[in-house]
Amino acid sequence: MDRCNKLLSDALGYDRFYDFDNENKAVICNYGTNGFRLPTDPEWQYACKAKSKDYRYGEIDVIAWYKDNS
């Protein structure tokens, strides 16, 4: 389970999004909960497009802000 789910959900009193079934060694997603989770791969891709229809490629300093250039 991701730390976002466990630490933040627990700290704020929300229900966890993920549970772990120890018997079957499986992760269970609780879609009806109010807990935190990390975005899925398609959600990350959508966010990275920033309302454009295409992906952006190029030198990192040109296409993104990060610690060294912000």
Foldseek 3Di string as FASTA:
>chain_A
DDPQQVPVCVVVVWDGQWDADPVVRDIDGDVPTPTDDDDDPVVVVVVQCVPPPDHDDDDCLVRHDDDVND
